[in-house]
Structure formats: structure tokens, C-alpha cells
Amino acid sequence: VAALSIPIVNSGLFALGALTFYRGWLESIGGENIFYTLFIVVIGINFLFEFGATAILSPTISRLIQFANKRSKNKFLPEEKAPENEIL
């Protein structure tokens, strides 16, 4: 759920920045309806691509990290032993 909320937040921040800094450019490519140009064309395509990539890659990367951690713990890290003469 957290990984899939990232494209939503990213698209919102991008929209805010685009309206703040690139308003003139958006008006030149989209005419008077800059909100349609920004949200449907620019952000919409990016959002769909980013959402799909995150939905596919996030679980895959998570499983690869878990596999690598499990494999490295069994192979490279020595087992911890409790000290024999320690006073609690």
C-alpha cells in the first residue's frame, strides 16, 4: 500500500511544481485549458507508467532483498552464542 501511494504523492508534487514554474509553457502547448494539458496529458501518462512500474517492481525487489538477507545470514554471519560468564 505504501509503495502504491508514492506515485500519487509524486504526481501531486509534480502538478504543483509545474503550475508554479511552467505555467507559460503549459499555456503555449495546451492553449487556455492548461489543467487538461497538465493532468491528462503530462501527468496522466507519467502516473500510469509509474504506478504500473511500482506495482510490479516493488514486490519483486522486496523479495530479492529478503532472499539475499536470508542467504547471507545463513552463509556469512556466524551464530551468536550467549556469554558463559556474564552476570545479569
PDB file of N, CA and C in Angstrom:
ATOM      1  N   VAL A   1       0.828  -1.191   0.000  1.00  0.00           N
ATOM      2  CA  VAL A   1       0.000   0.000   0.000  1.00  0.00           C
ATOM      3  C   VAL A   1       0.871   1.253   0.000  1.00  0.00           C
ATOM      4  N   ALA A   2       1.927   1.242   0.797  1.00  0.00           N
ATOM      5  CA  ALA A   2       2.798   2.417   0.873  1.00  0.00           C
ATOM      6  C   ALA A   2       3.498   2.654  -0.460  1.00  0.00           C
ATOM      7  N   ALA A   3       3.922   1.580  -1.113  1.00  0.00           N
ATOM      8  CA  ALA A   3       4.612   1.733  -2.396  1.00  0.00           C
ATOM      9  C   ALA A   3       3.683   2.280  -3.465  1.00  0.00           C
ATOM     10  N   LEU A   4       2.405   1.932  -3.395  1.00  0.00           N
ATOM     11  CA  LEU A   4       1.468   2.414  -4.404  1.00  0.00           C
ATOM     12  C   LEU A   4       0.985   3.835  -4.132  1.00  0.00           C
ATOM     13  N   SER A   5       1.224   4.357  -2.937  1.00  0.00           N
ATOM     14  CA  SER A   5       0.846   5.748  -2.666  1.00  0.00           C
ATOM     15  C   SER A   5       1.911   6.724  -3.156  1.00  0.00           C
ATOM     16  N   ILE A   6       3.109   6.230  -3.420  1.00  0.00           N
ATOM     17  CA  ILE A   6       4.192   7.102  -3.879  1.00  0.00           C
ATOM     18  C   ILE A   6       3.872   7.761  -5.216  1.00  0.00           C
ATOM     19  N   PRO A   7       3.350   7.054  -6.231  1.00  0.00           N
ATOM     20  CA  PRO A   7       3.028   7.741  -7.482  1.00  0.00           C
ATOM     21  C   PRO A   7       1.970   8.835  -7.314  1.00  0.00           C
ATOM     22  N   ILE A   8       1.061   8.656  -6.374  1.00  0.00           N
ATOM     23  CA  ILE A   8       0.020   9.673  -6.143  1.00  0.00           C
ATOM     24  C   ILE A   8       0.645  10.937  -5.570  1.00  0.00           C
ATOM     25  N   VAL A   9       1.483  10.780  -4.566  1.00  0.00           N
ATOM     26  CA  VAL A   9       2.148  11.934  -3.955  1.00  0.00           C
ATOM     27  C   VAL A   9       3.093  12.593  -4.962  1.00  0.00           C
ATOM     28  N   ASN A  10       3.838  11.781  -5.699  1.00  0.00           N
ATOM     29  CA  ASN A  10       4.770  12.312  -6.687  1.00  0.00           C
ATOM     30  C   ASN A  10       4.040  13.106  -7.770  1.00  0.00           C
ATOM     31  N   SER A  11       2.911  12.595  -8.238  1.00  0.00           N
ATOM     32  CA  SER A  11       2.146  13.307  -9.262  1.00  0.00           C
ATOM     33  C   SER A  11       1.583  14.617  -8.725  1.00  0.00           C
ATOM     34  N   GLY A  12       1.146  14.624  -7.477  1.00  0.00           N
ATOM     35  CA  GLY A  12       0.641  15.853  -6.873  1.00  0.00           C
ATOM     36  C   GLY A  12       1.720  16.907  -6.731  1.00  0.00           C
ATOM     37  N   LEU A  13       2.897  16.501  -6.284  1.00  0.00           N
ATOM     38  CA  LEU A  13       4.007  17.451  -6.168  1.00  0.00           C
ATOM     39  C   LEU A  13       4.459  17.960  -7.533  1.00  0.00           C
ATOM     40  N   PHE A  14       4.445  17.074  -8.522  1.00  0.00           N
ATOM     41  CA  PHE A  14       4.809  17.484  -9.874  1.00  0.00           C
ATOM     42  C   PHE A  14       3.803  18.493 -10.426  1.00  0.00           C
ATOM     43  N   ALA A  15       2.521  18.261 -10.184  1.00  0.00           N
ATOM     44  CA  ALA A  15       1.490  19.193 -10.653  1.00  0.00           C
ATOM     45  C   ALA A  15       1.657  20.563 -10.010  1.00  0.00           C
ATOM     46  N   LEU A  16       1.914  20.584  -8.724  1.00  0.00           N
ATOM     47  CA  LEU A  16       2.122  21.846  -8.027  1.00  0.00           C
ATOM     48  C   LEU A  16       3.334  22.586  -8.577  1.00  0.00           C
ATOM     49  N   GLY A  17       4.424  21.875  -8.787  1.00  0.00           N
ATOM     50  CA  GLY A  17       5.620  22.498  -9.343  1.00  0.00           C
ATOM     51  C   GLY A  17       5.432  22.963 -10.776  1.00  0.00           C
ATOM     52  N   ALA A  18       4.742  22.165 -11.581  1.00  0.00           N
ATOM     53  CA  ALA A  18       4.518  22.539 -12.978  1.00  0.00           C
ATOM     54  C   ALA A  18       3.639  23.769 -13.084  1.00  0.00           C
ATOM     55  N   LEU A  19       2.601  23.837 -12.264  1.00  0.00           N
ATOM     56  CA  LEU A  19       1.736  25.025 -12.304  1.00  0.00           C
ATOM     57  C   LEU A  19       2.456  26.255 -11.785  1.00  0.00           C
ATOM     58  N   THR A  20       3.374  26.062 -10.865  1.00  0.00           N
ATOM     59  CA  THR A  20       4.105  27.191 -10.295  1.00  0.00           C
ATOM     60  C   THR A  20       5.173  27.719 -11.247  1.00  0.00           C
ATOM     61  N   PHE A  21       5.960  26.831 -11.835  1.00  0.00           N
ATOM     62  CA  PHE A  21       7.134  27.261 -12.585  1.00  0.00           C
ATOM     63  C   PHE A  21       6.956  27.232 -14.103  1.00  0.00           C
ATOM     64  N   TYR A  22       6.079  26.400 -14.632  1.00  0.00           N
ATOM     65  CA  TYR A  22       5.972  26.225 -16.086  1.00  0.00           C
ATOM     66  C   TYR A  22       4.599  26.597 -16.629  1.00  0.00           C
ATOM     67  N   ARG A  23       3.944  27.521 -16.014  1.00  0.00           N
ATOM     68  CA  ARG A  23       2.595  27.914 -16.447  1.00  0.00           C
ATOM     69  C   ARG A  23       2.610  28.441 -17.887  1.00  0.00           C
ATOM     70  N   GLY A  24       3.584  29.264 -18.242  1.00  0.00           N
ATOM     71  CA  GLY A  24       3.677  29.802 -19.603  1.00  0.00           C
ATOM     72  C   GLY A  24       3.879  28.719 -20.644  1.00  0.00           C
ATOM     73  N   TRP A  25       4.737  27.762 -20.346  1.00  0.00           N
ATOM     74  CA  TRP A  25       4.976  26.661 -21.274  1.00  0.00           C
ATOM     75  C   TRP A  25       3.717  25.819 -21.436  1.00  0.00           C
ATOM     76  N   LEU A  26       3.010  25.559 -20.351  1.00  0.00           N
ATOM     77  CA  LEU A  26       1.775  24.771 -20.433  1.00  0.00           C
ATOM     78  C   LEU A  26       0.718  25.499 -21.250  1.00  0.00           C
ATOM     79  N   GLU A  27       0.635  26.817 -21.113  1.00  0.00           N
ATOM     80  CA  GLU A  27      -0.323  27.581 -21.907  1.00  0.00           C
ATOM     81  C   GLU A  27       0.040  27.552 -23.384  1.00  0.00           C
ATOM     82  N   SER A  28       1.329  27.524 -23.693  1.00  0.00           N
ATOM     83  CA  SER A  28       1.737  27.531 -25.101  1.00  0.00           C
ATOM     84  C   SER A  28       1.440  26.195 -25.795  1.00  0.00           C
ATOM     85  N   ILE A  29       1.531  25.074 -25.067  1.00  0.00           N
ATOM     86  CA  ILE A  29       1.253  23.787 -25.715  1.00  0.00           C
ATOM     87  C   ILE A  29      -0.197  23.362 -25.584  1.00  0.00           C
ATOM     88  N   GLY A  30      -0.905  23.914 -24.596  1.00  0.00           N
ATOM     89  CA  GLY A  30      -2.270  23.459 -24.376  1.00  0.00           C
ATOM     90  C   GLY A  30      -3.336  24.509 -24.567  1.00  0.00           C
ATOM     91  N   GLY A  31      -2.950  25.689 -24.925  1.00  0.00           N
ATOM     92  CA  GLY A  31      -3.952  26.739 -25.085  1.00  0.00           C
ATOM     93  C   GLY A  31      -4.419  27.240 -23.729  1.00  0.00           C
ATOM     94  N   GLU A  32      -5.693  27.568 -23.666  1.00  0.00           N
ATOM     95  CA  GLU A  32      -6.226  28.132 -22.425  1.00  0.00           C
ATOM     96  C   GLU A  32      -6.502  27.081 -21.368  1.00  0.00           C
ATOM     97  N   ASN A  33      -6.700  25.861 -21.779  1.00  0.00           N
ATOM     98  CA  ASN A  33      -7.048  24.801 -20.834  1.00  0.00           C
ATOM     99  C   ASN A  33      -5.782  24.090 -20.350  1.00  0.00           C
ATOM    100  N   ILE A  34      -5.014  24.771 -19.490  1.00  0.00           N
ATOM    101  CA  ILE A  34      -3.754  24.185 -19.028  1.00  0.00           C
ATOM    102  C   ILE A  34      -3.973  23.034 -18.056  1.00  0.00           C
ATOM    103  N   PHE A  35      -5.101  23.019 -17.367  1.00  0.00           N
ATOM    104  CA  PHE A  35      -5.352  21.928 -16.426  1.00  0.00           C
ATOM    105  C   PHE A  35      -5.560  20.616 -17.170  1.00  0.00           C
ATOM    106  N   TYR A  36      -6.250  20.656 -18.304  1.00  0.00           N
ATOM    107  CA  TYR A  36      -6.422  19.449 -19.116  1.00  0.00           C
ATOM    108  C   TYR A  36      -5.069  18.975 -19.618  1.00  0.00           C
ATOM    109  N   THR A  37      -4.289  19.897 -20.161  1.00  0.00           N
ATOM    110  CA  THR A  37      -2.972  19.534 -20.691  1.00  0.00           C
ATOM    111  C   THR A  37      -2.093  18.949 -19.605  1.00  0.00           C
ATOM    112  N   LEU A  38      -2.077  19.571 -18.454  1.00  0.00           N
ATOM    113  CA  LEU A  38      -1.203  19.128 -17.371  1.00  0.00           C
ATOM    114  C   LEU A  38      -1.645  17.791 -16.805  1.00  0.00           C
ATOM    115  N   PHE A  39      -2.891  17.683 -16.398  1.00  0.00           N
ATOM    116  CA  PHE A  39      -3.337  16.497 -15.675  1.00  0.00           C
ATOM    117  C   PHE A  39      -3.579  15.294 -16.577  1.00  0.00           C
ATOM    118  N   ILE A  40      -4.148  15.498 -17.731  1.00  0.00           N
ATOM    119  CA  ILE A  40      -4.464  14.356 -18.580  1.00  0.00           C
ATOM    120  C   ILE A  40      -3.263  13.926 -19.404  1.00  0.00           C
ATOM    121  N   VAL A  41      -2.626  14.869 -20.050  1.00  0.00           N
ATOM    122  CA  VAL A  41      -1.557  14.510 -20.978  1.00  0.00           C
ATOM    123  C   VAL A  41      -0.246  14.260 -20.250  1.00  0.00           C
ATOM    124  N   VAL A  42       0.243  15.239 -19.534  1.00  0.00           N
ATOM    125  CA  VAL A  42       1.578  15.138 -18.945  1.00  0.00           C
ATOM    126  C   VAL A  42       1.581  14.224 -17.725  1.00  0.00           C
ATOM    127  N   ILE A  43       0.764  14.521 -16.751  1.00  0.00           N
ATOM    128  CA  ILE A  43       0.778  13.755 -15.503  1.00  0.00           C
ATOM    129  C   ILE A  43       0.074  12.414 -15.648  1.00  0.00           C
ATOM    130  N   GLY A  44      -0.970  12.356 -16.434  1.00  0.00           N
ATOM    131  CA  GLY A  44      -1.721  11.108 -16.582  1.00  0.00           C
ATOM    132  C   GLY A  44      -0.884   9.975 -17.129  1.00  0.00           C
ATOM    133  N   ILE A  45      -0.141  10.255 -18.189  1.00  0.00           N
ATOM    134  CA  ILE A  45       0.699   9.223 -18.789  1.00  0.00           C
ATOM    135  C   ILE A  45       1.814   8.828 -17.832  1.00  0.00           C
ATOM    136  N   ASN A  46       2.441   9.811 -17.201  1.00  0.00           N
ATOM    137  CA  ASN A  46       3.503   9.525 -16.234  1.00  0.00           C
ATOM    138  C   ASN A  46       2.956   8.740 -15.040  1.00  0.00           C
ATOM    139  N   PHE A  47       1.782   9.108 -14.544  1.00  0.00           N
ATOM    140  CA  PHE A  47       1.202   8.416 -13.396  1.00  0.00           C
ATOM    141  C   PHE A  47       0.934   6.948 -13.720  1.00  0.00           C
ATOM    142  N   LEU A  48       0.343   6.691 -14.873  1.00  0.00           N
ATOM    143  CA  LEU A  48       0.033   5.300 -15.230  1.00  0.00           C
ATOM    144  C   LEU A  48       1.305   4.467 -15.363  1.00  0.00           C
ATOM    145  N   PHE A  49       2.328   5.024 -15.993  1.00  0.00           N
ATOM    146  CA  PHE A  49       3.591   4.304 -16.125  1.00  0.00           C
ATOM    147  C   PHE A  49       4.232   4.066 -14.757  1.00  0.00           C
ATOM    148  N   GLU A  50       4.287   5.097 -13.936  1.00  0.00           N
ATOM    149  CA  GLU A  50       4.935   4.981 -12.626  1.00  0.00           C
ATOM    150  C   GLU A  50       4.158   4.047 -11.698  1.00  0.00           C
ATOM    151  N   PHE A  51       2.839   4.117 -11.719  1.00  0.00           N
ATOM    152  CA  PHE A  51       2.016   3.248 -10.884  1.00  0.00           C
ATOM    153  C   PHE A  51       2.210   1.779 -11.276  1.00  0.00           C
ATOM    154  N   GLY A  52       2.216   1.519 -12.580  1.00  0.00           N
ATOM    155  CA  GLY A  52       2.421   0.144 -13.048  1.00  0.00           C
ATOM    156  C   GLY A  52       3.801  -0.381 -12.707  1.00  0.00           C
ATOM    157  N   ALA A  53       4.812   0.443 -12.910  1.00  0.00           N
ATOM    158  CA  ALA A  53       6.173   0.022 -12.605  1.00  0.00           C
ATOM    159  C   ALA A  53       6.345  -0.228 -11.111  1.00  0.00           C
ATOM    160  N   THR A  54       5.772   0.628 -10.289  1.00  0.00           N
ATOM    161  CA  THR A  54       5.871   0.457  -8.837  1.00  0.00           C
ATOM    162  C   THR A  54       5.124  -0.789  -8.387  1.00  0.00           C
ATOM    163  N   ALA A  55       3.953  -1.033  -8.960  1.00  0.00           N
ATOM    164  CA  ALA A  55       3.167  -2.210  -8.575  1.00  0.00           C
ATOM    165  C   ALA A  55       3.880  -3.502  -8.933  1.00  0.00           C
ATOM    166  N   ILE A  56       4.645  -3.492 -10.028  1.00  0.00           N
ATOM    167  CA  ILE A  56       5.347  -4.700 -10.454  1.00  0.00           C
ATOM    168  C   ILE A  56       6.703  -4.834  -9.761  1.00  0.00           C
ATOM    169  N   LEU A  57       7.458  -3.743  -9.710  1.00  0.00           N
ATOM    170  CA  LEU A  57       8.834  -3.837  -9.217  1.00  0.00           C
ATOM    171  C   LEU A  57       8.958  -3.865  -7.699  1.00  0.00           C
ATOM    172  N   SER A  58       8.046  -3.223  -6.988  1.00  0.00           N
ATOM    173  CA  SER A  58       8.163  -3.157  -5.534  1.00  0.00           C
ATOM    174  C   SER A  58       8.138  -4.542  -4.872  1.00  0.00           C
ATOM    175  N   PRO A  59       7.163  -5.391  -5.164  1.00  0.00           N
ATOM    176  CA  PRO A  59       7.198  -6.728  -4.547  1.00  0.00           C
ATOM    177  C   PRO A  59       8.398  -7.559  -5.004  1.00  0.00           C
ATOM    178  N   THR A  60       8.800  -7.386  -6.248  1.00  0.00           N
ATOM    179  CA  THR A  60       9.938  -8.143  -6.761  1.00  0.00           C
ATOM    180  C   THR A  60      11.223  -7.757  -6.046  1.00  0.00           C
ATOM    181  N   ILE A  61      11.468  -6.468  -5.897  1.00  0.00           N
ATOM    182  CA  ILE A  61      12.670  -6.004  -5.211  1.00  0.00           C
ATOM    183  C   ILE A  61      12.637  -6.406  -3.741  1.00  0.00           C
ATOM    184  N   SER A  62      11.472  -6.332  -3.120  1.00  0.00           N
ATOM    185  CA  SER A  62      11.343  -6.728  -1.722  1.00  0.00           C
ATOM    186  C   SER A  62      11.694  -8.203  -1.532  1.00  0.00           C
ATOM    187  N   ARG A  63      11.204  -9.051  -2.411  1.00  0.00           N
ATOM    188  CA  ARG A  63      11.513 -10.482  -2.304  1.00  0.00           C
ATOM    189  C   ARG A  63      12.994 -10.766  -2.564  1.00  0.00           C
ATOM    190  N   LEU A  64      13.587 -10.041  -3.498  1.00  0.00           N
ATOM    191  CA  LEU A  64      15.015 -10.220  -3.754  1.00  0.00           C
ATOM    192  C   LEU A  64      15.855  -9.815  -2.544  1.00  0.00           C
ATOM    193  N   ILE A  65      15.477  -8.730  -1.891  1.00  0.00           N
ATOM    194  CA  ILE A  65      16.197  -8.292  -0.689  1.00  0.00           C
ATOM    195  C   ILE A  65      16.037  -9.311   0.431  1.00  0.00           C
ATOM    196  N   GLN A  66      14.826  -9.824   0.630  1.00  0.00           N
ATOM    197  CA  GLN A  66      14.604 -10.836   1.654  1.00  0.00           C
ATOM    198  C   GLN A  66      15.420 -12.096   1.364  1.00  0.00           C
ATOM    199  N   PHE A  67      15.456 -12.504   0.103  1.00  0.00           N
ATOM    200  CA  PHE A  67      16.232 -13.680  -0.282  1.00  0.00           C
ATOM    201  C   PHE A  67      17.719 -13.460  -0.027  1.00  0.00           C
ATOM    202  N   ALA A  68      18.231 -12.294  -0.389  1.00  0.00           N
ATOM    203  CA  ALA A  68      19.655 -12.000  -0.182  1.00  0.00           C
ATOM    204  C   ALA A  68      19.986 -11.945   1.306  1.00  0.00           C
ATOM    205  N   ASN A  69      19.112 -11.344   2.112  1.00  0.00           N
ATOM    206  CA  ASN A  69      19.355 -11.291   3.552  1.00  0.00           C
ATOM    207  C   ASN A  69      19.337 -12.681   4.171  1.00  0.00           C
ATOM    208  N   LYS A  70      18.383 -13.486   3.780  1.00  0.00           N
ATOM    209  CA  LYS A  70      18.294 -14.840   4.318  1.00  0.00           C
ATOM    210  C   LYS A  70      19.518 -15.659   3.914  1.00  0.00           C
ATOM    211  N   ARG A  71      19.927 -15.512   2.693  1.00  0.00           N
ATOM    212  CA  ARG A  71      21.078 -16.268   2.204  1.00  0.00           C
ATOM    213  C   ARG A  71      22.372 -15.809   2.867  1.00  0.00           C
ATOM    214  N   SER A  72      22.541 -14.506   3.035  1.00  0.00           N
ATOM    215  CA  SER A  72      23.779 -14.010   3.634  1.00  0.00           C
ATOM    216  C   SER A  72      23.840 -14.316   5.127  1.00  0.00           C
ATOM    217  N   LYS A  73      22.726 -14.332   5.821  1.00  0.00           N
ATOM    218  CA  LYS A  73      22.732 -14.663   7.253  1.00  0.00           C
ATOM    219  C   LYS A  73      23.124 -16.112   7.463  1.00  0.00           C
ATOM    220  N   ASN A  74      22.665 -16.988   6.615  1.00  0.00           N
ATOM    221  CA  ASN A  74      22.982 -18.398   6.769  1.00  0.00           C
ATOM    222  C   ASN A  74      24.411 -18.718   6.363  1.00  0.00           C
ATOM    223  N   LYS A  75      24.972 -17.957   5.455  1.00  0.00           N
ATOM    224  CA  LYS A  75      26.263 -18.314   4.909  1.00  0.00           C
ATOM    225  C   LYS A  75      27.424 -17.523   5.505  1.00  0.00           C
ATOM    226  N   PHE A  76      27.238 -16.234   5.736  1.00  0.00           N
ATOM    227  CA  PHE A  76      28.360 -15.378   6.078  1.00  0.00           C
ATOM    228  C   PHE A  76      28.426 -14.964   7.544  1.00  0.00           C
ATOM    229  N   LEU A  77      27.318 -14.871   8.221  1.00  0.00           N
ATOM    230  CA  LEU A  77      27.333 -14.392   9.600  1.00  0.00           C
ATOM    231  C   LEU A  77      27.425 -15.560  10.567  1.00  0.00           C
ATOM    232  N   PRO A  78      28.354 -15.502  11.503  1.00  0.00           N
ATOM    233  CA  PRO A  78      28.441 -16.589  12.488  1.00  0.00           C
ATOM    234  C   PRO A  78      27.265 -16.514  13.464  1.00  0.00           C
ATOM    235  N   GLU A  79      26.940 -17.650  14.031  1.00  0.00           N
ATOM    236  CA  GLU A  79      25.862 -17.670  15.017  1.00  0.00           C
ATOM    237  C   GLU A  79      26.329 -17.009  16.303  1.00  0.00           C
ATOM    238  N   GLU A  80      25.435 -16.250  16.901  1.00  0.00           N
ATOM    239  CA  GLU A  80      25.778 -15.590  18.164  1.00  0.00           C
ATOM    240  C   GLU A  80      25.569 -16.575  19.309  1.00  0.00           C
ATOM    241  N   LYS A  81      26.570 -16.630  20.194  1.00  0.00           N
ATOM    242  CA  LYS A  81      26.468 -17.502  21.349  1.00  0.00           C
ATOM    243  C   LYS A  81      26.361 -16.634  22.587  1.00  0.00           C
ATOM    244  N   ALA A  82      25.604 -17.095  23.554  1.00  0.00           N
ATOM    245  CA  ALA A  82      25.452 -16.357  24.805  1.00  0.00           C
ATOM    246  C   ALA A  82      26.748 -16.458  25.606  1.00  0.00           C
ATOM    247  N   PRO A  83      27.197 -15.362  26.184  1.00  0.00           N
ATOM    248  CA  PRO A  83      28.404 -15.417  27.014  1.00  0.00           C
ATOM    249  C   PRO A  83      28.204 -16.333  28.215  1.00  0.00           C
ATOM    250  N   GLU A  84      29.242 -17.089  28.558  1.00  0.00           N
ATOM    251  CA  GLU A  84      29.119 -18.073  29.626  1.00  0.00           C
ATOM    252  C   GLU A  84      29.274 -17.465  31.005  1.00  0.00           C
ATOM    253  N   ASN A  85      30.125 -16.465  31.162  1.00  0.00           N
ATOM    254  CA  ASN A  85      30.433 -15.939  32.476  1.00  0.00           C
ATOM    255  C   ASN A  85      29.836 -14.538  32.725  1.00  0.00           C
ATOM    256  N   GLU A  86      28.760 -14.244  32.092  1.00  0.00           N
ATOM    257  CA  GLU A  86      28.165 -12.901  32.242  1.00  0.00           C
ATOM    258  C   GLU A  86      27.176 -12.894  33.401  1.00  0.00           C
ATOM    259  N   ILE A  87      27.267 -11.863  34.238  1.00  0.00           N
ATOM    260  CA  ILE A  87      26.345 -11.700  35.343  1.00  0.00           C
ATOM    261  C   ILE A  87      25.242 -10.735  34.904  1.00  0.00           C
ATOM    262  N   LEU A  88      24.029 -11.163  35.047  1.00  0.00           N
ATOM    263  CA  LEU A  88      22.907 -10.328  34.606  1.00  0.00           C
ATOM    264  C   LEU A  88      22.481  -9.389  35.671  1.00  0.00           C
TER     265      LEU A  88
END
